[in-house]
Amino acid sequence: MTEHRRPRGPRRAPRIAVAWGISVFLLLTGATAANAAWTTATTTITPAASGGTVDATFGGSAPGPITWTSASHSTTVPVALNNTGSLDADWSYTLSSSSAAASATTFTSWVLSPGEQCTSASTPHDQVTSTASAPVALTGHFASGASVDVCTRAAITDAGQVTYGGQTLVVTVALQDSVGSWTGGQSFDVSVAIADDRAPSIPTVTLDRVSGYSTRVNWTPSTDNVGVTGYRIYRNGTQVAQVDANATQWTDATLANSTTYTWAVEAFDAAGNVARSPGVQARTLSIVSNAKYAIYYPNGNRCVDASGAGRDIGTNIIIWDCSYAANQLWTMRPTGDGSYQLESVNSTNTAIGSPSRNLSQQLQLSGKSTPSTRWSFNADGNGYRLTNDSNQMCMDVYGMGTANNTAVTQYTCLGNAAQFFQLQKR
């Protein structure tokens, strides 16, 4: 009988179950680890590689909370790669990120020599260095049951820590392994908080529009790596107001007259970083709100007067011998922004104002709703210069005159004797 034999071909390995895998352990001293494990689906190996079935398992602990600050924006992490399976394997270890901060971040990884430690002081050797957005893999080979210790250092530049403060860098840690033509892999994410611990710039503070009841606090805008959230205003060390990031001035209108105060402005950001200015001091004017005053003109030894004891809108303002009659008395009505209306005692519906914006325009009694009836008082020795809020011209006695019936006008502020007045409380 003729014996029929099957043609000889490649010898096949018996179909057996082969247990194989790689586990990854990221260790951070003092960190609270968040356990995580991943398992690939069972994969059948092609005959060219090996017979049987391979399971690839990645497990271990992901790092606990990591935060980069302006003082320390580098993290060095030891990583243990363990071949827990029964087959030799090639491995590839990569870190990458698509976060905005990736452009300022680099990773350096190297295989540790026996007995070598992985610390922040360790010096890399035979390393792979890459950016987070353009990763380069660290690769190697190990036998079944073998381990490889890797050290990884992640760092962001100082400029990057400033730019991306308050954001989170999400790093993808990927490990790929291969046996023959079979390749498997898993990855997990590690979050790195980039602290916003940079204080805003210190605002520069000035004071103006000081009156008997208020002072305007002004400041230069602060800058911040993330953004200024707002400003807090302090009077004599106590916070009295908070405004948004677009504000550059605030009027403190609840002050007592003839009192010295100190103001400071503090810029703050969303992370709670603050920068406070030095204190700036001012003394409020001695003017008593809503009190009656004669406006005395020392250069002519006369008083500001509503001509002819007039009460109506359009009555001219002049200087005249001081009699302290009603047409020479003015109530200092605060407007709330540091200015006053010089209200006529003869008519509470009128105040000293101007019918036009012309130089040398004679002042008149005007309706109190007219913008030109608001005056700011600027202390000058033992008297005041009065500036009209609507046109920024000063109250002025025409031609520096001294005679009765000389017109009181508005004129460019020159600081001369024609623009100097005193208040006499009656």
Protein backbone atom coordinates (compact mmCIF):
# COMPACT_ATOMS: atom_id res chain seq x y z
CA MET A 1 0.00 0.00 0.00
CA THR A 2 1.35 3.33 -0.98
CA GLU A 3 1.84 5.74 1.94
CA HIS A 4 0.53 9.27 1.33
CA ARG A 5 2.41 11.97 3.20
CA ARG A 6 1.46 15.64 3.66
CA PRO A 7 4.04 18.01 2.12
CA ARG A 8 6.33 19.47 4.77
CA GLY A 9 5.91 23.16 5.46
CA PRO A 10 6.75 25.56 8.28
CA ARG A 11 6.52 23.89 11.61
CA ARG A 12 3.77 25.36 13.77
CA ALA A 13 4.03 25.84 17.50
CA PRO A 14 1.34 24.13 19.54
CA ARG A 15 -1.59 26.45 20.34
CA ILE A 16 -1.05 27.28 24.00
CA ALA A 17 -2.06 30.19 26.15
CA VAL A 18 0.93 32.46 26.83
CA ALA A 19 0.59 34.94 29.68
CA TRP A 20 2.44 38.18 28.85
CA GLY A 21 2.14 41.81 29.72
CA ILE A 22 3.77 45.02 30.79
CA SER A 23 2.91 47.09 33.81
CA VAL A 24 3.80 50.73 34.36
CA PHE A 25 4.32 52.31 37.78
CA LEU A 26 4.76 56.07 38.15
CA LEU A 27 5.89 56.95 41.61
CA LEU A 28 5.82 60.35 43.27
CA THR A 29 7.11 60.60 46.80
CA GLY A 30 4.51 62.13 49.04
CA ALA A 31 1.87 62.25 46.31
CA THR A 32 -1.56 60.78 46.68
CA ALA A 33 -1.78 58.24 43.87
CA ALA A 34 -4.92 57.67 41.87
CA ASN A 35 -5.02 53.99 40.95
CA ALA A 36 -5.81 53.11 37.38
CA ALA A 37 -5.45 49.95 35.29
CA TRP A 38 -5.96 49.19 31.62
CA THR A 39 -6.24 45.86 29.81
CA THR A 40 -6.18 45.30 26.09
CA ALA A 41 -8.54 42.89 24.44
CA THR A 42 -7.13 39.42 23.84
CA THR A 43 -5.23 39.45 20.54
CA THR A 44 -4.45 36.41 18.34
CA ILE A 45 -0.86 36.23 17.15
CA THR A 46 -0.28 35.43 13.48
CA PRO A 47 1.68 32.23 12.74
CA ALA A 48 4.70 34.27 11.72
CA ALA A 49 5.10 35.53 15.25
CA SER A 50 4.17 32.74 17.58
CA GLY A 51 1.36 30.36 18.31
CA GLY A 52 -1.14 30.95 21.01
CA THR A 53 -2.75 33.97 22.59
CA VAL A 54 -1.16 37.08 24.13
CA ASP A 55 -2.70 39.33 26.77
CA ALA A 56 -1.15 42.79 27.27
CA THR A 57 -1.94 44.41 30.61
CA PHE A 58 -0.89 47.86 31.76
CA GLY A 59 -1.44 48.70 35.40
CA GLY A 60 -0.08 50.69 38.29
CA SER A 61 -0.45 54.08 39.84
CA ALA A 62 -0.70 57.41 38.08
CA PRO A 63 1.02 60.36 39.80
CA GLY A 64 -0.85 62.30 42.41
CA PRO A 65 -1.41 66.06 42.15
CA ILE A 66 1.46 67.87 40.46
CA THR A 67 1.70 71.66 40.55
CA TRP A 68 4.31 73.84 38.91
CA THR A 69 4.97 77.19 40.57
CA SER A 70 7.18 80.16 39.78
CA ALA A 71 9.70 78.75 42.25
CA SER A 72 9.61 75.21 40.89
CA HIS A 73 8.33 74.29 37.45
CA SER A 74 10.05 70.96 36.92
CA THR A 75 9.00 67.45 37.94
CA THR A 76 11.26 64.37 37.98
CA VAL A 77 9.41 61.04 38.09
CA PRO A 78 10.78 57.47 38.36
CA VAL A 79 8.99 54.97 36.13
CA ALA A 80 9.17 51.16 36.41
CA LEU A 81 8.48 49.14 33.26
CA ASN A 82 7.92 45.48 34.11
CA ASN A 83 7.52 42.62 31.66
CA THR A 84 5.17 40.40 33.62
CA GLY A 85 4.54 38.07 30.70
CA SER A 86 6.35 34.97 29.42
CA LEU A 87 7.62 36.47 26.16
CA ASP A 88 10.45 38.86 25.42
CA ALA A 89 9.21 42.24 24.19
CA ASP A 90 10.30 45.49 22.60
CA TRP A 91 8.95 48.59 24.33
CA SER A 92 8.45 52.24 23.41
CA TYR A 93 7.76 54.94 26.03
CA THR A 94 6.42 58.37 24.96
CA LEU A 95 5.05 61.51 26.63
CA SER A 96 3.03 64.07 24.68
CA SER A 97 0.47 66.83 25.14
CA SER A 98 -1.90 68.90 23.06
CA SER A 99 -2.46 71.46 25.84
CA ALA A 100 -1.66 75.10 25.12
CA ALA A 101 1.26 74.98 27.54
CA ALA A 102 2.87 72.15 25.52
CA SER A 103 4.77 74.67 23.40
CA ALA A 104 6.78 75.71 26.46
CA THR A 105 7.23 72.20 27.91
CA THR A 106 10.02 69.65 27.38
CA PHE A 107 10.39 66.02 28.46
CA THR A 108 13.67 64.26 29.07
CA SER A 109 13.68 60.48 29.65
CA TRP A 110 16.56 58.07 30.21
CA VAL A 111 17.10 54.48 31.37
CA LEU A 112 18.58 54.29 34.85
CA SER A 113 21.77 52.37 35.47
CA PRO A 114 21.71 49.71 38.24
CA GLY A 115 21.59 51.43 41.62
CA GLU A 116 21.06 54.89 40.09
CA GLN A 117 18.44 57.12 41.71
CA CYS A 118 15.86 59.23 39.92
CA THR A 119 15.68 62.60 41.71
CA SER A 120 15.49 66.25 40.80
CA ALA A 121 19.29 66.36 41.08
CA SER A 122 19.88 63.40 38.73
CA THR A 123 21.88 64.09 35.59
CA PRO A 124 20.34 62.68 32.40
CA HIS A 125 22.46 60.37 30.23
CA ASP A 126 21.73 58.64 26.94
CA GLN A 127 18.49 60.55 27.12
CA VAL A 128 15.70 61.28 24.73
CA THR A 129 14.56 64.91 24.91
CA SER A 130 11.48 66.16 23.14
CA THR A 131 8.81 68.80 23.32
CA ALA A 132 5.35 67.87 24.47
CA SER A 133 3.91 68.73 21.08
CA ALA A 134 6.62 66.85 19.12
CA PRO A 135 7.37 63.74 21.18
CA VAL A 136 10.29 61.36 20.69
CA ALA A 137 10.01 57.84 22.06
CA LEU A 138 12.46 56.19 24.46
CA THR A 139 12.78 52.56 23.32
CA GLY A 140 14.28 49.29 24.52
CA HIS A 141 13.94 45.52 24.81
CA PHE A 142 13.56 43.28 27.81
CA ALA A 143 13.11 39.60 28.49
CA SER A 144 10.16 37.91 30.10
CA GLY A 145 10.01 38.81 33.78
CA ALA A 146 12.58 41.60 33.42
CA SER A 147 12.22 45.23 34.48
CA VAL A 148 13.52 48.54 33.19
CA ASP A 149 13.72 51.65 35.36
CA VAL A 150 13.22 54.93 33.54
CA CYS A 151 13.60 58.48 34.84
CA THR A 152 11.46 61.21 33.27
CA ARG A 153 11.83 64.94 33.82
CA ALA A 154 9.11 67.31 32.66
CA ALA A 155 9.75 71.05 32.76
CA ILE A 156 8.16 74.27 31.58
CA THR A 157 10.18 77.39 30.87
CA ASP A 158 9.97 80.34 33.22
CA ALA A 159 8.32 82.36 30.48
CA GLY A 160 5.90 79.50 29.90
CA GLN A 161 5.00 79.35 33.59
CA VAL A 162 4.17 83.06 33.40
CA THR A 163 2.20 82.77 30.17
CA TYR A 164 0.21 79.67 31.09
CA GLY A 165 -0.25 80.33 34.81
CA GLY A 166 -3.68 79.21 35.94
CA GLN A 167 -3.94 76.59 33.20
CA THR A 168 -3.53 72.81 33.28
CA LEU A 169 -1.07 70.80 31.22
CA VAL A 170 -2.49 67.35 30.41
CA VAL A 171 0.31 64.90 29.59
CA THR A 172 -0.44 61.65 27.78
CA VAL A 173 1.86 58.83 28.92
CA ALA A 174 1.95 56.07 26.27
CA LEU A 175 3.65 52.66 26.41
CA GLN A 176 3.74 50.44 23.36
CA ASP A 177 5.03 46.87 23.22
CA SER A 178 5.59 44.42 20.43
CA VAL A 179 6.25 40.72 20.03
CA GLY A 180 6.99 39.67 16.50
CA SER A 181 4.42 41.33 14.30
CA TRP A 182 2.00 41.92 17.16
CA THR A 183 1.86 45.38 18.67
CA GLY A 184 -0.21 46.56 21.59
CA GLY A 185 -0.31 49.63 23.74
CA GLN A 186 -2.16 51.72 26.25
CA SER A 187 -1.96 55.26 27.55
CA PHE A 188 -3.22 57.42 30.38
CA ASP A 189 -3.28 61.13 31.18
CA VAL A 190 -1.49 62.98 33.95
CA SER A 191 -2.58 66.52 34.84
CA VAL A 192 -0.06 69.17 35.86
CA ALA A 193 -1.47 72.36 37.38
CA ILE A 194 0.48 75.47 36.40
CA ALA A 195 0.02 77.79 39.33
CA ASP A 196 -0.78 81.43 38.80
CA ASP A 197 1.31 82.77 41.65
CA ARG A 198 2.54 85.96 40.03
CA ALA A 199 1.21 89.15 41.57
CA PRO A 200 -0.02 91.99 39.35
CA SER A 201 2.18 95.05 38.97
CA ILE A 202 1.83 97.67 41.69
CA PRO A 203 -0.52 100.50 40.68
CA THR A 204 0.72 104.08 40.98
CA VAL A 205 -1.76 106.23 42.92
CA THR A 206 -2.46 109.95 42.71
CA LEU A 207 -5.16 112.08 44.32
CA ASP A 208 -7.09 115.02 42.89
CA ARG A 209 -10.37 116.90 43.18
CA VAL A 210 -9.87 117.19 46.91
CA SER A 211 -12.83 118.97 48.45
CA GLY A 212 -14.28 119.37 51.90
CA TYR A 213 -16.22 116.13 51.58
CA SER A 214 -14.42 113.98 48.97
CA THR A 215 -11.23 113.05 47.19
CA ARG A 216 -10.78 111.31 43.84
CA VAL A 217 -8.35 108.40 43.90
CA ASN A 218 -6.62 107.70 40.56
CA TRP A 219 -4.26 104.87 39.64
CA THR A 220 -2.33 103.48 36.68
CA PRO A 221 -3.64 100.15 35.32
CA SER A 222 -1.82 97.11 36.67
CA THR A 223 -0.60 94.30 34.44
CA ASP A 224 -0.73 90.58 35.22
CA ASN A 225 0.42 87.41 33.47
CA VAL A 226 -3.16 86.07 33.44
CA GLY A 227 -5.20 89.21 33.96
CA VAL A 228 -6.17 91.69 36.65
CA THR A 229 -9.58 90.89 38.14
CA GLY A 230 -10.14 94.20 39.92
CA TYR A 231 -8.93 96.74 42.46
CA ARG A 232 -9.59 97.33 46.14
CA ILE A 233 -9.36 100.86 47.56
CA TYR A 234 -8.18 101.29 51.13
CA ARG A 235 -8.63 104.38 53.28
CA ASN A 236 -6.48 104.52 56.41
CA GLY A 237 -5.83 100.77 56.03
CA THR A 238 -9.51 99.76 55.76
CA GLN A 239 -11.08 98.64 52.50
CA VAL A 240 -13.77 101.10 51.41
CA ALA A 241 -14.45 99.99 47.84
CA GLN A 242 -13.84 97.35 45.18
CA VAL A 243 -14.05 98.08 41.45
CA ASP A 244 -13.59 96.05 38.28
CA ALA A 245 -10.44 95.70 36.21
CA ASN A 246 -11.38 98.48 33.78
CA ALA A 247 -11.57 101.20 36.45
CA THR A 248 -8.71 103.64 36.99
CA GLN A 249 -10.37 106.07 39.44
CA TRP A 250 -12.84 106.17 42.27
CA THR A 251 -14.24 109.07 44.28
CA ASP A 252 -14.37 108.75 48.04
CA ALA A 253 -17.29 111.05 48.85
CA THR A 254 -17.99 110.31 52.53
CA LEU A 255 -15.22 112.32 54.15
CA ALA A 256 -15.11 114.90 56.90
CA ASN A 257 -13.74 118.36 56.16
CA SER A 258 -10.32 119.48 57.47
CA THR A 259 -9.23 115.85 57.96
CA THR A 260 -6.12 114.01 56.74
CA TYR A 261 -6.61 110.61 55.09
CA THR A 262 -4.33 108.04 53.45
CA TRP A 263 -5.40 105.97 50.44
CA ALA A 264 -3.88 102.89 48.80
CA VAL A 265 -5.02 100.78 45.85
CA GLU A 266 -4.58 97.02 45.65
CA ALA A 267 -4.70 95.12 42.34
CA PHE A 268 -5.78 91.47 42.52
CA ASP A 269 -6.19 88.58 40.10
CA ALA A 270 -8.44 85.53 39.99
CA ALA A 271 -5.88 83.39 41.80
CA GLY A 272 -5.83 85.73 44.79
CA ASN A 273 -2.44 87.34 44.09
CA VAL A 274 -2.35 90.98 45.18
CA ALA A 275 -0.14 94.03 44.83
CA ARG A 276 -0.88 97.09 46.97
CA SER A 277 0.42 100.57 46.34
CA PRO A 278 2.12 102.69 48.98
CA GLY A 279 -0.23 105.02 50.82
CA VAL A 280 -0.86 108.50 49.41
CA GLN A 281 -2.07 111.23 51.76
CA ALA A 282 -4.32 114.27 51.38
CA ARG A 283 -6.13 116.65 53.70
CA THR A 284 -9.70 117.61 52.88
CA LEU A 285 -10.57 121.26 52.52
CA SER A 286 -12.05 123.21 55.42
CA ILE A 287 -15.21 123.94 53.42
CA VAL A 288 -18.39 122.86 55.20
CA SER A 289 -20.96 121.39 52.85
CA ASN A 290 -24.26 123.30 52.62
CA ALA A 291 -22.91 126.14 54.74
CA LYS A 292 -23.19 129.82 53.66
CA TYR A 293 -20.06 131.74 52.67
CA ALA A 294 -19.06 135.11 51.33
CA ILE A 295 -16.53 134.76 48.49
CA TYR A 296 -13.93 137.40 49.35
CA TYR A 297 -11.57 138.89 46.74
CA PRO A 298 -8.41 140.00 48.64
CA ASN A 299 -6.86 141.82 45.66
CA GLY A 300 -9.71 144.36 45.68
CA ASN A 301 -10.87 143.96 49.28
CA ARG A 302 -14.36 143.27 47.92
CA CYS A 303 -16.85 140.40 47.72
CA VAL A 304 -18.38 138.44 44.83
CA ASP A 305 -21.86 139.88 44.35
CA ALA A 306 -25.04 139.25 42.33
CA SER A 307 -25.43 142.63 40.64
CA GLY A 308 -28.33 144.80 41.84
CA ALA A 309 -29.32 142.18 44.40
CA GLY A 310 -30.63 140.20 41.45
CA ARG A 311 -32.26 136.83 41.91
CA ASP A 312 -33.02 135.77 38.36
CA ILE A 313 -31.15 133.74 35.76
CA GLY A 314 -28.91 136.08 33.77
CA THR A 315 -28.02 138.35 36.70
CA ASN A 316 -24.37 139.42 36.25
CA ILE A 317 -21.73 138.56 38.83
CA ILE A 318 -19.46 141.41 39.95
CA ILE A 319 -17.30 142.46 42.88
CA TRP A 320 -18.62 145.01 45.38
CA ASP A 321 -17.93 146.31 48.83
CA CYS A 322 -18.60 143.51 51.31
CA SER A 323 -21.96 144.00 52.98
CA TYR A 324 -22.68 140.29 53.52
CA ALA A 325 -26.21 140.81 52.29
CA ALA A 326 -28.05 137.88 50.72
CA ASN A 327 -26.78 138.77 47.24
CA GLN A 328 -23.21 138.25 48.53
CA LEU A 329 -23.82 134.93 50.28
CA TRP A 330 -23.43 131.56 48.59
CA THR A 331 -24.33 128.09 49.84
CA MET A 332 -21.68 125.43 49.11
CA ARG A 333 -23.81 122.59 47.71
CA PRO A 334 -21.75 119.38 47.16
CA THR A 335 -22.41 117.67 43.81
CA GLY A 336 -20.95 114.30 44.84
CA ASP A 337 -17.89 114.33 42.59
CA GLY A 338 -15.76 116.80 44.56
CA SER A 339 -17.20 119.95 43.04
CA TYR A 340 -19.68 122.46 44.46
CA GLN A 341 -22.50 124.57 43.17
CA LEU A 342 -22.30 128.14 44.48
CA GLU A 343 -26.00 128.47 45.15
CA SER A 344 -27.43 131.95 45.57
CA VAL A 345 -28.96 132.50 49.02
CA ASN A 346 -31.39 134.87 47.28
CA SER A 347 -32.63 132.08 44.98
CA THR A 348 -32.05 128.41 45.68
CA ASN A 349 -32.81 127.62 42.03
CA THR A 350 -29.77 129.49 40.72
CA ALA A 351 -25.99 129.25 41.11
CA ILE A 352 -22.94 131.01 39.66
CA GLY A 353 -22.31 129.76 36.11
CA SER A 354 -21.42 130.84 32.59
CA PRO A 355 -23.67 131.37 29.55
CA SER A 356 -20.86 130.43 27.12
CA ARG A 357 -17.40 128.88 26.85
CA ASN A 358 -15.77 132.17 25.76
CA LEU A 359 -12.69 133.61 27.40
CA SER A 360 -13.54 136.63 29.57
CA GLN A 361 -17.24 135.66 29.55
CA GLN A 362 -18.88 137.40 32.53
CA LEU A 363 -20.36 134.93 34.99
CA GLN A 364 -24.09 135.04 35.70
CA LEU A 365 -26.72 133.42 37.84
CA SER A 366 -27.61 130.24 35.94
CA GLY A 367 -30.05 127.40 36.34
CA LYS A 368 -28.60 124.73 38.62
CA SER A 369 -29.02 122.08 35.91
CA THR A 370 -26.52 123.96 33.75
CA PRO A 371 -23.14 122.12 33.60
CA SER A 372 -21.22 125.37 34.04
CA THR A 373 -22.49 125.74 37.62
CA ARG A 374 -20.04 123.13 38.99
CA TRP A 375 -16.82 124.48 40.51
CA SER A 376 -13.81 122.71 41.97
CA PHE A 377 -11.85 124.42 44.75
CA ASN A 378 -8.07 124.14 44.68
CA ALA A 379 -6.34 125.14 47.89
CA ASP A 380 -3.66 127.79 47.48
CA GLY A 381 -2.15 128.96 50.74
CA ASN A 382 -4.94 130.47 52.80
CA GLY A 383 -7.30 130.78 49.84
CA TYR A 384 -8.60 129.00 46.75
CA ARG A 385 -8.57 128.94 42.97
CA LEU A 386 -11.98 128.02 41.55
CA THR A 387 -12.07 125.96 38.34
CA ASN A 388 -15.21 125.51 36.26
CA ASP A 389 -15.76 121.80 35.61
CA SER A 390 -17.41 122.28 32.20
CA ASN A 391 -14.69 124.39 30.54
CA GLN A 392 -11.69 124.12 32.91
CA MET A 393 -11.37 127.91 33.13
CA CYS A 394 -10.87 129.75 36.39
CA MET A 395 -13.04 132.31 38.14
CA ASP A 396 -11.30 135.62 37.39
CA VAL A 397 -11.83 139.32 38.15
CA TYR A 398 -11.64 141.11 34.81
CA GLY A 399 -8.37 142.93 34.16
CA MET A 400 -7.28 142.22 37.74
CA GLY A 401 -9.62 145.11 38.62
CA THR A 402 -10.31 146.27 42.13
CA ALA A 403 -13.17 148.75 41.69
CA ASN A 404 -16.81 148.17 42.53
CA ASN A 405 -18.83 146.67 39.67
CA THR A 406 -15.81 145.01 38.03
CA ALA A 407 -17.04 141.91 36.20
CA VAL A 408 -16.28 138.45 37.55
CA THR A 409 -15.42 136.34 34.49
CA GLN A 410 -13.94 133.03 33.43
CA TYR A 411 -10.42 132.92 32.06
CA THR A 412 -7.48 130.61 31.44
CA CYS A 413 -6.07 129.55 34.82
CA LEU A 414 -2.99 131.68 35.40
CA GLY A 415 -2.64 131.54 39.18
CA ASN A 416 -2.46 135.32 39.57
CA ALA A 417 -4.12 137.65 42.07
CA ALA A 418 -7.21 138.06 39.86
CA GLN A 419 -8.01 134.39 40.41
CA PHE A 420 -7.42 134.15 44.16
CA PHE A 421 -10.39 134.05 46.57
CA GLN A 422 -11.10 133.31 50.19
CA LEU A 423 -14.20 131.90 51.85
CA GLN A 424 -15.72 133.66 54.83
CA LYS A 425 -18.27 131.52 56.63
CA ARG A 426 -21.35 133.48 57.73
